[in-house]
Structures are given as structure tokens and as C-alpha cells.
Amino acid sequence: MIPRPHTWFPLIAAWLALATGPAIWAKIQFDVFPGYDTSARAGAWYPVAVEVFNDGASFDAVVELNSGQATVRVPLELPTNTRKRFVVPMFNASRNFLSVDGRLLDSRGKMREEQTGKRVNVQGWEIPLMGALPGSFSGAPGFPEIQQSQAGWQPRVARMQPELFPDSPMALEGLNSLYLNTTRALELKEPQVRALQAW
């Protein structure tokens, strides 16, 4: 006698959930943030911040960043349930257009995640660019608005985050100045503080 489908279907579904559950539910979060709030200088270094969260099995990875001008590879260990953040300085030789591709590869070269075509606005040195670590979203400083006919010359404030703040003075080269809220200053780690002092 063959059991009716409504009696054995829940058993098969439960078995599949147990057998493949970790593979189905495991996920990798991979984010790439190039520039100072998507801005960079022509002919200068700029930061590319990377954040990776591995909710699956442990593996050795390589983060590959490609700007079309240079490729940087960063080896990374990703244990289960681990979030890692780091910042890589890259050089912008372009005066008009900059785009960054990010790929997360495993030790066999298989691509696990990618983010491509991350556009960056290229600014000349004649336009002021201020980095800002404000205490709140509305607490960032601002520049007076200039005339519409000169909108391309508008100074810019680039909002930054303590957890993704560069830990290399080279990656801060493109900033003219920095607004640092005292509360946010306490969130910076020692390598970030040393980079800020060297800058």
C-alpha cells in the first residue's frame, strides 16, 4: 500500500530542509564603497572601503578591486558568522571618469559575490572637498550654495563613517579638511587615529 502524498510530502520537505538548510540559508554580504562618499580627486589617492559578512561555512577568500587603471587583491580569512571591514588606498589617474569593480573570490578562484560599476565623481583640486564625521545625520557642516551658473564649482562635504574610516594617511590625501565630532572621534581605532595624525 502506497501512502498518500499528503502524508509523505511533509516528511520529504523536512528532510530536504535539514539536508540543505545551511546551504540555502547561508549568505554572504559583500559591499564596496569607493571614494569619499563617492567622490575622488583627479591624480590623487582615494579610499575604497570593503565590508564582508559571512553567514556560511568558513573559507579563505580574496577580495579583488579593479578600477580599470589598477587591480588590487587582498587575501582574507572568513570564519563562519564573521564581519570584516577594511580600507584600501587606490590611485586615480583619470580626470573625468572613475568606476570600481569589486569581486569576492574563494581560494579556488570561484567568484562568490561581486559589485560592479561603482561610480565615483572625479573632482579637480580647485574644488574644496571636506570629509565629515558628524555626531548625527543632520549635524554635518555645509558650504554656502554658489550661483547656478557655477554649480560645477560647488565645494563638497563627504560624509564618512567611523567603522569605514581609512587607517592609512595615503587614503586621506584627497581631502582638504576634516570635520570630526568629538563623539565620533572616540569611536576611531588606534590605526585610524595614527593615520589621521600622519595626514
N, C-alpha and C. Protein backbone atom coordinates (compact mmCIF):
# COMPACT_ATOMS: atom_id res chain seq x y z
N MET A 1 0.84 -1.19 0.00
CA MET A 1 0.00 0.00 0.00
C MET A 1 0.89 1.25 0.00
N ILE A 2 0.67 2.13 -0.97
CA ILE A 2 1.48 3.35 -1.10
C ILE A 2 0.81 4.47 -0.29
N PRO A 3 1.59 5.15 0.58
CA PRO A 3 1.00 6.24 1.37
C PRO A 3 0.53 7.36 0.44
N ARG A 4 -0.49 8.05 0.87
CA ARG A 4 -1.00 9.17 0.10
C ARG A 4 0.01 10.34 0.14
N PRO A 5 0.04 11.15 -0.93
CA PRO A 5 1.02 12.25 -0.98
C PRO A 5 0.96 13.18 0.22
N HIS A 6 -0.26 13.43 0.74
CA HIS A 6 -0.36 14.41 1.83
C HIS A 6 0.28 13.89 3.12
N THR A 7 0.57 12.57 3.17
CA THR A 7 1.21 12.04 4.38
C THR A 7 2.73 12.02 4.27
N TRP A 8 3.27 11.79 3.07
CA TRP A 8 4.73 11.72 2.97
C TRP A 8 5.39 13.01 2.50
N PHE A 9 4.62 13.94 1.94
CA PHE A 9 5.21 15.20 1.48
C PHE A 9 5.85 15.99 2.63
N PRO A 10 5.20 16.14 3.78
CA PRO A 10 5.86 16.89 4.88
C PRO A 10 7.16 16.25 5.34
N LEU A 11 7.24 14.88 5.28
CA LEU A 11 8.47 14.21 5.70
C LEU A 11 9.62 14.53 4.73
N ILE A 12 9.33 14.52 3.42
CA ILE A 12 10.36 14.84 2.43
C ILE A 12 10.79 16.30 2.56
N ALA A 13 9.83 17.19 2.78
CA ALA A 13 10.15 18.61 2.92
C ALA A 13 11.05 18.83 4.14
N ALA A 14 10.74 18.15 5.25
CA ALA A 14 11.56 18.29 6.46
C ALA A 14 12.97 17.75 6.23
N TRP A 15 13.07 16.62 5.52
CA TRP A 15 14.39 16.03 5.25
C TRP A 15 15.22 16.96 4.37
N LEU A 16 14.60 17.55 3.34
CA LEU A 16 15.31 18.47 2.47
C LEU A 16 15.77 19.71 3.22
N ALA A 17 14.95 20.20 4.14
CA ALA A 17 15.31 21.38 4.93
C ALA A 17 16.52 21.10 5.79
N LEU A 18 16.56 19.88 6.38
CA LEU A 18 17.69 19.52 7.23
C LEU A 18 18.96 19.28 6.41
N ALA A 19 18.79 18.67 5.24
CA ALA A 19 19.95 18.30 4.43
C ALA A 19 20.58 19.50 3.74
N THR A 20 19.74 20.43 3.32
CA THR A 20 20.26 21.57 2.55
C THR A 20 20.10 22.89 3.25
N GLY A 21 19.58 22.88 4.46
CA GLY A 21 19.30 24.12 5.19
C GLY A 21 20.47 25.07 5.26
N PRO A 22 21.64 24.64 5.75
CA PRO A 22 22.76 25.56 5.85
C PRO A 22 23.16 26.17 4.52
N ALA A 23 23.09 25.38 3.42
CA ALA A 23 23.47 25.91 2.12
C ALA A 23 22.46 26.93 1.62
N ILE A 24 21.16 26.69 1.93
CA ILE A 24 20.12 27.59 1.46
C ILE A 24 20.16 28.90 2.23
N TRP A 25 20.28 28.80 3.56
CA TRP A 25 20.17 29.98 4.39
C TRP A 25 21.48 30.74 4.53
N ALA A 26 22.60 30.07 4.30
CA ALA A 26 23.89 30.76 4.41
C ALA A 26 23.98 31.85 3.35
N LYS A 27 24.51 32.98 3.73
CA LYS A 27 24.62 34.08 2.78
C LYS A 27 25.89 34.87 3.04
N ILE A 28 26.33 35.56 2.01
CA ILE A 28 27.49 36.43 2.10
C ILE A 28 27.05 37.84 1.73
N GLN A 29 27.36 38.77 2.60
CA GLN A 29 27.10 40.17 2.31
C GLN A 29 28.43 40.80 1.89
N PHE A 30 28.46 41.39 0.70
CA PHE A 30 29.69 41.96 0.16
C PHE A 30 29.39 43.36 -0.36
N ASP A 31 30.01 44.36 0.26
CA ASP A 31 29.76 45.75 -0.13
C ASP A 31 31.07 46.47 -0.39
N VAL A 32 31.06 47.31 -1.42
CA VAL A 32 32.23 48.10 -1.80
C VAL A 32 31.82 49.56 -1.84
N PHE A 33 32.60 50.42 -1.15
CA PHE A 33 32.30 51.86 -1.08
C PHE A 33 33.53 52.64 -1.55
N PRO A 34 33.62 53.00 -2.83
CA PRO A 34 34.79 53.72 -3.31
C PRO A 34 34.68 55.24 -3.11
N GLY A 35 35.82 55.86 -2.80
CA GLY A 35 35.88 57.31 -2.71
C GLY A 35 35.43 57.86 -1.37
N TYR A 36 35.45 59.16 -1.29
CA TYR A 36 34.95 59.88 -0.11
C TYR A 36 33.47 60.16 -0.37
N ASP A 37 32.62 59.26 0.08
CA ASP A 37 31.18 59.42 -0.19
C ASP A 37 30.97 59.57 -1.70
N THR A 38 31.58 58.69 -2.48
CA THR A 38 31.53 58.61 -3.94
C THR A 38 32.24 59.77 -4.64
N SER A 39 33.17 60.46 -3.97
CA SER A 39 33.98 61.49 -4.62
C SER A 39 35.45 61.13 -4.53
N ALA A 40 36.22 61.56 -5.52
CA ALA A 40 37.67 61.35 -5.51
C ALA A 40 38.33 62.49 -6.29
N ARG A 41 39.62 62.67 -6.04
CA ARG A 41 40.39 63.70 -6.73
C ARG A 41 41.03 63.14 -8.00
N ALA A 42 41.19 63.99 -8.98
CA ALA A 42 41.97 63.63 -10.16
C ALA A 42 43.44 63.64 -9.78
N GLY A 43 44.16 62.57 -10.13
CA GLY A 43 45.59 62.49 -9.86
C GLY A 43 45.92 62.39 -8.38
N ALA A 44 45.14 61.62 -7.63
CA ALA A 44 45.37 61.50 -6.20
C ALA A 44 44.90 60.14 -5.70
N TRP A 45 45.33 59.80 -4.50
CA TRP A 45 44.87 58.57 -3.85
C TRP A 45 43.47 58.79 -3.27
N TYR A 46 42.71 57.71 -3.20
CA TYR A 46 41.37 57.74 -2.62
C TYR A 46 41.11 56.40 -1.92
N PRO A 47 40.18 56.36 -0.97
CA PRO A 47 39.93 55.10 -0.26
C PRO A 47 38.85 54.26 -0.95
N VAL A 48 39.02 52.95 -0.86
CA VAL A 48 37.95 52.02 -1.25
C VAL A 48 37.68 51.16 -0.02
N ALA A 49 36.51 51.36 0.60
CA ALA A 49 36.14 50.60 1.80
C ALA A 49 35.39 49.34 1.39
N VAL A 50 35.69 48.24 2.08
CA VAL A 50 35.07 46.95 1.80
C VAL A 50 34.52 46.38 3.09
N GLU A 51 33.31 45.85 3.01
CA GLU A 51 32.68 45.18 4.15
C GLU A 51 32.18 43.81 3.70
N VAL A 52 32.57 42.77 4.44
CA VAL A 52 32.17 41.40 4.10
C VAL A 52 31.59 40.73 5.34
N PHE A 53 30.43 40.12 5.18
CA PHE A 53 29.83 39.33 6.26
C PHE A 53 29.57 37.93 5.75
N ASN A 54 30.16 36.93 6.42
CA ASN A 54 30.00 35.54 6.02
C ASN A 54 29.11 34.81 7.03
N ASP A 55 27.94 34.40 6.57
CA ASP A 55 26.99 33.68 7.43
C ASP A 55 27.01 32.19 7.15
N GLY A 56 27.95 31.75 6.30
CA GLY A 56 28.01 30.34 5.94
C GLY A 56 29.27 29.68 6.46
N ALA A 57 29.71 28.64 5.76
CA ALA A 57 30.90 27.90 6.17
C ALA A 57 32.14 28.76 6.01
N SER A 58 33.14 28.50 6.85
CA SER A 58 34.41 29.23 6.80
C SER A 58 35.11 28.98 5.47
N PHE A 59 35.79 30.00 4.95
CA PHE A 59 36.61 29.81 3.76
C PHE A 59 37.64 30.94 3.65
N ASP A 60 38.71 30.65 2.93
CA ASP A 60 39.73 31.65 2.63
C ASP A 60 39.32 32.36 1.35
N ALA A 61 39.39 33.69 1.38
CA ALA A 61 38.90 34.47 0.25
C ALA A 61 39.97 35.44 -0.24
N VAL A 62 39.71 35.99 -1.41
CA VAL A 62 40.50 37.09 -1.96
C VAL A 62 39.52 38.14 -2.45
N VAL A 63 39.70 39.37 -1.96
CA VAL A 63 38.90 40.49 -2.45
C VAL A 63 39.69 41.15 -3.57
N GLU A 64 39.08 41.24 -4.74
CA GLU A 64 39.73 41.84 -5.92
C GLU A 64 39.02 43.15 -6.25
N LEU A 65 39.79 44.23 -6.29
CA LEU A 65 39.27 45.55 -6.63
C LEU A 65 39.93 46.01 -7.92
N ASN A 66 39.10 46.42 -8.88
CA ASN A 66 39.61 46.82 -10.20
C ASN A 66 38.98 48.16 -10.58
N SER A 67 39.85 49.16 -10.82
CA SER A 67 39.36 50.48 -11.21
C SER A 67 39.51 50.73 -12.70
N GLY A 68 40.00 49.74 -13.46
CA GLY A 68 40.30 49.95 -14.86
C GLY A 68 41.69 50.51 -15.05
N GLN A 69 42.28 51.06 -13.98
CA GLN A 69 43.63 51.59 -14.01
C GLN A 69 44.59 50.68 -13.25
N ALA A 70 44.08 50.01 -12.25
CA ALA A 70 44.90 49.11 -11.43
C ALA A 70 43.99 48.06 -10.80
N THR A 71 44.60 46.92 -10.44
CA THR A 71 43.88 45.86 -9.74
C THR A 71 44.61 45.55 -8.44
N VAL A 72 43.84 45.51 -7.36
CA VAL A 72 44.39 45.21 -6.03
C VAL A 72 43.71 43.96 -5.51
N ARG A 73 44.50 43.03 -4.95
CA ARG A 73 43.95 41.80 -4.37
C ARG A 73 44.33 41.73 -2.90
N VAL A 74 43.34 41.47 -2.06
CA VAL A 74 43.55 41.42 -0.61
C VAL A 74 43.11 40.04 -0.11
N PRO A 75 44.03 39.21 0.41
CA PRO A 75 43.62 37.91 0.98
C PRO A 75 42.88 38.13 2.30
N LEU A 76 41.92 37.23 2.55
CA LEU A 76 41.05 37.42 3.70
C LEU A 76 40.58 36.07 4.23
N GLU A 77 40.64 35.88 5.54
CA GLU A 77 40.05 34.69 6.17
C GLU A 77 38.64 35.05 6.62
N LEU A 78 37.68 34.20 6.27
CA LEU A 78 36.29 34.47 6.61
C LEU A 78 35.69 33.31 7.39
N PRO A 79 35.91 33.26 8.71
CA PRO A 79 35.25 32.24 9.54
C PRO A 79 33.73 32.43 9.52
N THR A 80 33.02 31.42 9.94
CA THR A 80 31.57 31.47 10.00
C THR A 80 31.10 32.61 10.91
N ASN A 81 30.07 33.31 10.47
CA ASN A 81 29.43 34.37 11.25
C ASN A 81 30.42 35.48 11.61
N THR A 82 31.20 35.91 10.59
CA THR A 82 32.22 36.94 10.79
C THR A 82 31.96 38.11 9.86
N ARG A 83 32.11 39.33 10.40
CA ARG A 83 32.05 40.55 9.59
C ARG A 83 33.42 41.21 9.61
N LYS A 84 33.95 41.51 8.43
CA LYS A 84 35.25 42.16 8.33
C LYS A 84 35.13 43.42 7.49
N ARG A 85 35.84 44.46 7.96
CA ARG A 85 35.87 45.73 7.24
C ARG A 85 37.32 46.16 7.07
N PHE A 86 37.63 46.71 5.92
CA PHE A 86 38.97 47.26 5.69
C PHE A 86 38.90 48.29 4.58
N VAL A 87 39.95 49.12 4.51
CA VAL A 87 40.03 50.19 3.51
C VAL A 87 41.33 50.05 2.73
N VAL A 88 41.23 50.13 1.41
CA VAL A 88 42.39 50.01 0.53
C VAL A 88 42.60 51.35 -0.19
N PRO A 89 43.81 51.95 -0.11
CA PRO A 89 44.07 53.15 -0.91
C PRO A 89 44.30 52.77 -2.38
N MET A 90 43.66 53.51 -3.29
CA MET A 90 43.88 53.30 -4.71
C MET A 90 44.14 54.66 -5.36
N PHE A 91 44.85 54.65 -6.49
CA PHE A 91 45.23 55.90 -7.14
C PHE A 91 44.34 56.15 -8.35
N ASN A 92 43.90 57.40 -8.48
CA ASN A 92 43.06 57.78 -9.60
C ASN A 92 43.87 58.60 -10.60
N ALA A 93 44.15 58.02 -11.75
CA ALA A 93 44.89 58.72 -12.79
C ALA A 93 43.97 59.41 -13.79
N SER A 94 42.65 59.24 -13.61
CA SER A 94 41.69 59.80 -14.56
C SER A 94 41.25 61.19 -14.13
N ARG A 95 40.90 62.03 -15.10
CA ARG A 95 40.39 63.37 -14.80
C ARG A 95 38.88 63.46 -14.99
N ASN A 96 38.29 62.46 -15.64
CA ASN A 96 36.88 62.58 -15.99
C ASN A 96 35.98 61.48 -15.42
N PHE A 97 36.46 60.24 -15.41
CA PHE A 97 35.56 59.13 -15.09
C PHE A 97 36.30 58.09 -14.25
N LEU A 98 35.62 57.61 -13.23
CA LEU A 98 36.20 56.57 -12.38
C LEU A 98 35.10 55.60 -11.98
N SER A 99 35.37 54.31 -12.15
CA SER A 99 34.43 53.26 -11.77
C SER A 99 35.22 52.11 -11.16
N VAL A 100 34.69 51.54 -10.08
CA VAL A 100 35.39 50.47 -9.37
C VAL A 100 34.53 49.22 -9.36
N ASP A 101 35.15 48.07 -9.69
CA ASP A 101 34.50 46.76 -9.59
C ASP A 101 35.10 46.01 -8.42
N GLY A 102 34.25 45.33 -7.65
CA GLY A 102 34.72 44.52 -6.53
C GLY A 102 34.23 43.09 -6.68
N ARG A 103 35.13 42.13 -6.44
CA ARG A 103 34.76 40.72 -6.52
C ARG A 103 35.30 39.98 -5.31
N LEU A 104 34.50 39.06 -4.79
CA LEU A 104 34.91 38.20 -3.69
C LEU A 104 35.11 36.79 -4.24
N LEU A 105 36.37 36.32 -4.21
CA LEU A 105 36.72 35.01 -4.75
C LEU A 105 37.11 34.08 -3.62
N ASP A 106 36.85 32.78 -3.81
CA ASP A 106 37.33 31.81 -2.83
C ASP A 106 38.74 31.36 -3.22
N SER A 107 39.32 30.44 -2.44
CA SER A 107 40.71 30.04 -2.66
C SER A 107 40.92 29.33 -3.99
N ARG A 108 39.84 28.83 -4.61
CA ARG A 108 39.94 28.17 -5.91
C ARG A 108 39.68 29.12 -7.07
N GLY A 109 39.46 30.39 -6.75
CA GLY A 109 39.23 31.39 -7.78
C GLY A 109 37.77 31.52 -8.19
N LYS A 110 36.88 30.79 -7.53
CA LYS A 110 35.45 30.88 -7.86
C LYS A 110 34.88 32.16 -7.26
N MET A 111 34.11 32.90 -8.07
CA MET A 111 33.52 34.13 -7.60
C MET A 111 32.31 33.84 -6.72
N ARG A 112 32.32 34.37 -5.51
CA ARG A 112 31.21 34.16 -4.58
C ARG A 112 30.22 35.33 -4.58
N GLU A 113 30.74 36.55 -4.72
CA GLU A 113 29.89 37.74 -4.79
C GLU A 113 30.63 38.80 -5.60
N GLU A 114 29.88 39.76 -6.13
CA GLU A 114 30.52 40.86 -6.83
C GLU A 114 29.67 42.12 -6.77
N GLN A 115 30.34 43.25 -6.89
CA GLN A 115 29.69 44.55 -7.06
C GLN A 115 30.47 45.27 -8.15
N THR A 116 29.79 45.59 -9.23
CA THR A 116 30.49 46.19 -10.38
C THR A 116 29.91 47.56 -10.70
N GLY A 117 30.73 48.36 -11.38
CA GLY A 117 30.27 49.66 -11.86
C GLY A 117 29.97 50.65 -10.77
N LYS A 118 30.73 50.64 -9.67
CA LYS A 118 30.52 51.61 -8.59
C LYS A 118 31.14 52.94 -9.02
N ARG A 119 30.28 53.89 -9.41
CA ARG A 119 30.74 55.15 -9.97
C ARG A 119 31.29 56.09 -8.89
N VAL A 120 32.31 56.83 -9.26
CA VAL A 120 32.93 57.81 -8.38
C VAL A 120 33.01 59.14 -9.12
N ASN A 121 32.58 60.23 -8.46
CA ASN A 121 32.65 61.56 -9.06
C ASN A 121 34.07 62.09 -8.92
N VAL A 122 34.69 62.46 -10.04
CA VAL A 122 36.06 62.96 -10.04
C VAL A 122 36.04 64.49 -9.95
N GLN A 123 36.76 65.03 -8.97
CA GLN A 123 36.82 66.47 -8.76
C GLN A 123 38.25 66.96 -8.92
N GLY A 124 38.38 68.18 -9.42
CA GLY A 124 39.70 68.81 -9.52
C GLY A 124 40.14 69.35 -8.17
N TRP A 125 41.43 69.66 -8.07
CA TRP A 125 41.98 70.16 -6.81
C TRP A 125 41.48 71.56 -6.48
N GLU A 126 40.96 72.27 -7.47
CA GLU A 126 40.50 73.63 -7.21
C GLU A 126 39.17 73.68 -6.46
N ILE A 127 38.48 72.53 -6.36
CA ILE A 127 37.18 72.48 -5.66
C ILE A 127 37.39 71.88 -4.27
N PRO A 128 37.06 72.62 -3.20
CA PRO A 128 37.26 72.10 -1.85
C PRO A 128 36.45 70.83 -1.58
N LEU A 129 37.07 69.88 -0.91
CA LEU A 129 36.41 68.63 -0.53
C LEU A 129 36.70 68.38 0.96
N MET A 130 35.65 68.42 1.76
CA MET A 130 35.77 68.22 3.20
C MET A 130 35.20 66.87 3.60
N GLY A 131 35.95 66.09 4.37
CA GLY A 131 35.41 64.89 4.96
C GLY A 131 34.69 65.23 6.26
N ALA A 132 33.67 64.48 6.60
CA ALA A 132 32.89 64.80 7.80
C ALA A 132 32.51 63.53 8.55
N LEU A 133 32.79 63.55 9.84
CA LEU A 133 32.32 62.51 10.77
C LEU A 133 31.43 63.20 11.79
N PRO A 134 30.17 63.51 11.41
CA PRO A 134 29.29 64.25 12.30
C PRO A 134 28.68 63.36 13.37
N GLY A 135 28.17 64.00 14.43
CA GLY A 135 27.54 63.25 15.51
C GLY A 135 26.17 62.72 15.13
N SER A 136 25.51 63.35 14.16
CA SER A 136 24.19 62.91 13.70
C SER A 136 24.08 63.22 12.21
N PHE A 137 23.04 62.67 11.58
CA PHE A 137 22.87 62.85 10.14
C PHE A 137 22.70 64.32 9.79
N SER A 138 21.99 65.06 10.64
CA SER A 138 21.73 66.48 10.36
C SER A 138 22.84 67.38 10.87
N GLY A 139 23.85 66.80 11.53
CA GLY A 139 24.90 67.61 12.13
C GLY A 139 26.09 67.86 11.24
N ALA A 140 26.05 67.44 9.99
CA ALA A 140 27.19 67.64 9.09
C ALA A 140 27.31 69.11 8.70
N PRO A 141 28.52 69.61 8.56
CA PRO A 141 28.70 71.00 8.11
C PRO A 141 28.34 71.14 6.64
N GLY A 142 28.23 72.36 6.18
CA GLY A 142 27.91 72.59 4.78
C GLY A 142 28.58 73.85 4.28
N PHE A 143 28.66 73.98 2.97
CA PHE A 143 29.20 75.18 2.34
C PHE A 143 28.05 76.00 1.78
N PRO A 144 28.19 77.32 1.72
CA PRO A 144 27.14 78.14 1.08
C PRO A 144 26.96 77.74 -0.38
N GLU A 145 25.71 77.76 -0.82
CA GLU A 145 25.43 77.44 -2.22
C GLU A 145 25.94 78.56 -3.12
N ILE A 146 26.60 78.18 -4.21
CA ILE A 146 27.08 79.19 -5.15
C ILE A 146 26.08 79.34 -6.29
N GLN A 147 26.30 80.30 -7.15
CA GLN A 147 25.36 80.60 -8.22
C GLN A 147 25.18 79.40 -9.14
N GLN A 148 23.98 79.29 -9.71
CA GLN A 148 23.66 78.17 -10.58
C GLN A 148 24.61 78.08 -11.76
N SER A 149 25.06 79.21 -12.26
CA SER A 149 25.94 79.21 -13.43
C SER A 149 27.31 78.63 -13.10
N GLN A 150 27.65 78.53 -11.80
CA GLN A 150 28.93 77.98 -11.37
C GLN A 150 28.75 76.72 -10.53
N ALA A 151 27.66 75.98 -10.79
CA ALA A 151 27.33 74.82 -9.98
C ALA A 151 28.44 73.77 -9.99
N GLY A 152 29.19 73.69 -11.06
CA GLY A 152 30.27 72.71 -11.14
C GLY A 152 31.42 73.01 -10.20
N TRP A 153 31.44 74.21 -9.62
CA TRP A 153 32.50 74.61 -8.70
C TRP A 153 32.05 74.52 -7.24
N GLN A 154 30.90 73.92 -6.99
CA GLN A 154 30.36 73.85 -5.62
C GLN A 154 31.25 72.98 -4.73
N PRO A 155 31.76 73.53 -3.61
CA PRO A 155 32.52 72.70 -2.65
C PRO A 155 31.65 71.56 -2.11
N ARG A 156 32.28 70.47 -1.74
CA ARG A 156 31.53 69.28 -1.35
C ARG A 156 31.93 68.81 0.03
N VAL A 157 30.93 68.31 0.79
CA VAL A 157 31.15 67.66 2.08
C VAL A 157 30.88 66.18 1.90
N ALA A 158 31.88 65.35 2.20
CA ALA A 158 31.76 63.90 2.04
C ALA A 158 31.54 63.28 3.42
N ARG A 159 30.37 62.69 3.61
CA ARG A 159 30.05 62.05 4.89
C ARG A 159 30.79 60.72 4.99
N MET A 160 31.45 60.50 6.14
CA MET A 160 32.22 59.28 6.36
C MET A 160 31.73 58.59 7.62
N GLN A 161 32.07 57.30 7.78
CA GLN A 161 31.64 56.51 8.93
C GLN A 161 32.86 56.02 9.70
N PRO A 162 32.81 56.04 11.04
CA PRO A 162 33.97 55.60 11.83
C PRO A 162 34.42 54.19 11.49
N GLU A 163 33.49 53.25 11.27
CA GLU A 163 33.87 51.86 11.02
C GLU A 163 34.53 51.67 9.66
N LEU A 164 34.35 52.62 8.74
CA LEU A 164 34.95 52.52 7.41
C LEU A 164 35.95 53.66 7.16
N PHE A 165 36.38 54.31 8.22
CA PHE A 165 37.33 55.41 8.09
C PHE A 165 38.71 54.83 7.75
N PRO A 166 39.46 55.45 6.83
CA PRO A 166 40.77 54.90 6.42
C PRO A 166 41.74 54.78 7.59
N ASP A 167 42.57 53.73 7.53
CA ASP A 167 43.64 53.55 8.52
C ASP A 167 45.00 53.78 7.88
N SER A 168 45.01 54.46 6.72
CA SER A 168 46.24 54.82 6.02
C SER A 168 46.19 56.30 5.66
N PRO A 169 47.22 57.08 6.00
CA PRO A 169 47.20 58.51 5.64
C PRO A 169 47.14 58.72 4.13
N MET A 170 47.64 57.76 3.36
CA MET A 170 47.61 57.86 1.90
C MET A 170 46.17 57.96 1.40
N ALA A 171 45.26 57.24 2.04
CA ALA A 171 43.85 57.23 1.60
C ALA A 171 43.13 58.52 1.96
N LEU A 172 43.76 59.39 2.76
CA LEU A 172 43.16 60.67 3.13
C LEU A 172 43.69 61.82 2.28
N GLU A 173 44.57 61.51 1.33
CA GLU A 173 45.26 62.54 0.56
C GLU A 173 44.30 63.48 -0.15
N GLY A 174 43.18 62.99 -0.63
CA GLY A 174 42.29 63.80 -1.45
C GLY A 174 41.44 64.80 -0.69
N LEU A 175 41.48 64.80 0.64
CA LEU A 175 40.68 65.74 1.42
C LEU A 175 41.42 67.05 1.66
N ASN A 176 40.68 68.16 1.61
CA ASN A 176 41.24 69.45 2.00
C ASN A 176 41.17 69.65 3.51
N SER A 177 40.10 69.14 4.11
CA SER A 177 39.89 69.34 5.54
C SER A 177 38.98 68.23 6.06
N LEU A 178 38.85 68.17 7.39
CA LEU A 178 38.03 67.13 8.01
C LEU A 178 37.29 67.70 9.20
N TYR A 179 35.98 67.47 9.23
CA TYR A 179 35.17 67.82 10.39
C TYR A 179 34.98 66.56 11.22
N LEU A 180 35.43 66.63 12.49
CA LEU A 180 35.39 65.44 13.35
C LEU A 180 34.64 65.75 14.63
N ASN A 181 33.47 65.15 14.78
CA ASN A 181 32.69 65.30 16.01
C ASN A 181 33.40 64.57 17.15
N THR A 182 33.41 65.15 18.35
CA THR A 182 34.14 64.55 19.47
C THR A 182 33.61 63.16 19.83
N THR A 183 32.31 62.96 19.71
CA THR A 183 31.75 61.64 19.99
C THR A 183 32.25 60.61 18.99
N ARG A 184 32.27 60.99 17.71
CA ARG A 184 32.76 60.08 16.68
C ARG A 184 34.25 59.83 16.81
N ALA A 185 34.99 60.82 17.30
CA ALA A 185 36.44 60.65 17.46
C ALA A 185 36.75 59.51 18.41
N LEU A 186 35.92 59.32 19.43
CA LEU A 186 36.14 58.25 20.39
C LEU A 186 35.88 56.87 19.79
N GLU A 187 35.19 56.81 18.65
CA GLU A 187 34.90 55.54 18.00
C GLU A 187 36.02 55.07 17.08
N LEU A 188 36.96 55.96 16.78
CA LEU A 188 38.05 55.59 15.89
C LEU A 188 39.03 54.67 16.59
N LYS A 189 39.52 53.68 15.86
CA LYS A 189 40.50 52.74 16.41
C LYS A 189 41.91 53.32 16.26
N GLU A 190 42.85 52.71 16.97
CA GLU A 190 44.21 53.26 17.02
C GLU A 190 44.85 53.44 15.64
N PRO A 191 44.76 52.45 14.71
CA PRO A 191 45.34 52.67 13.38
C PRO A 191 44.71 53.85 12.64
N GLN A 192 43.40 54.06 12.84
CA GLN A 192 42.73 55.19 12.20
C GLN A 192 43.23 56.52 12.79
N VAL A 193 43.44 56.55 14.11
CA VAL A 193 43.94 57.75 14.76
C VAL A 193 45.35 58.07 14.28
N ARG A 194 46.18 57.04 14.15
CA ARG A 194 47.54 57.26 13.67
C ARG A 194 47.54 57.79 12.23
N ALA A 195 46.65 57.26 11.39
CA ALA A 195 46.53 57.73 10.01
C ALA A 195 46.11 59.19 9.98
N LEU A 196 45.17 59.55 10.86
CA LEU A 196 44.69 60.93 10.92
C LEU A 196 45.79 61.87 11.39
N GLN A 197 46.57 61.45 12.36
CA GLN A 197 47.68 62.27 12.85
C GLN A 197 48.75 62.44 11.78
N ALA A 198 49.04 61.38 11.04
CA ALA A 198 50.06 61.46 9.98
C ALA A 198 49.58 62.35 8.83
N TRP A 199 48.29 62.31 8.55
CA TRP A 199 47.72 63.14 7.49
C TRP A 199 47.79 64.61 7.86
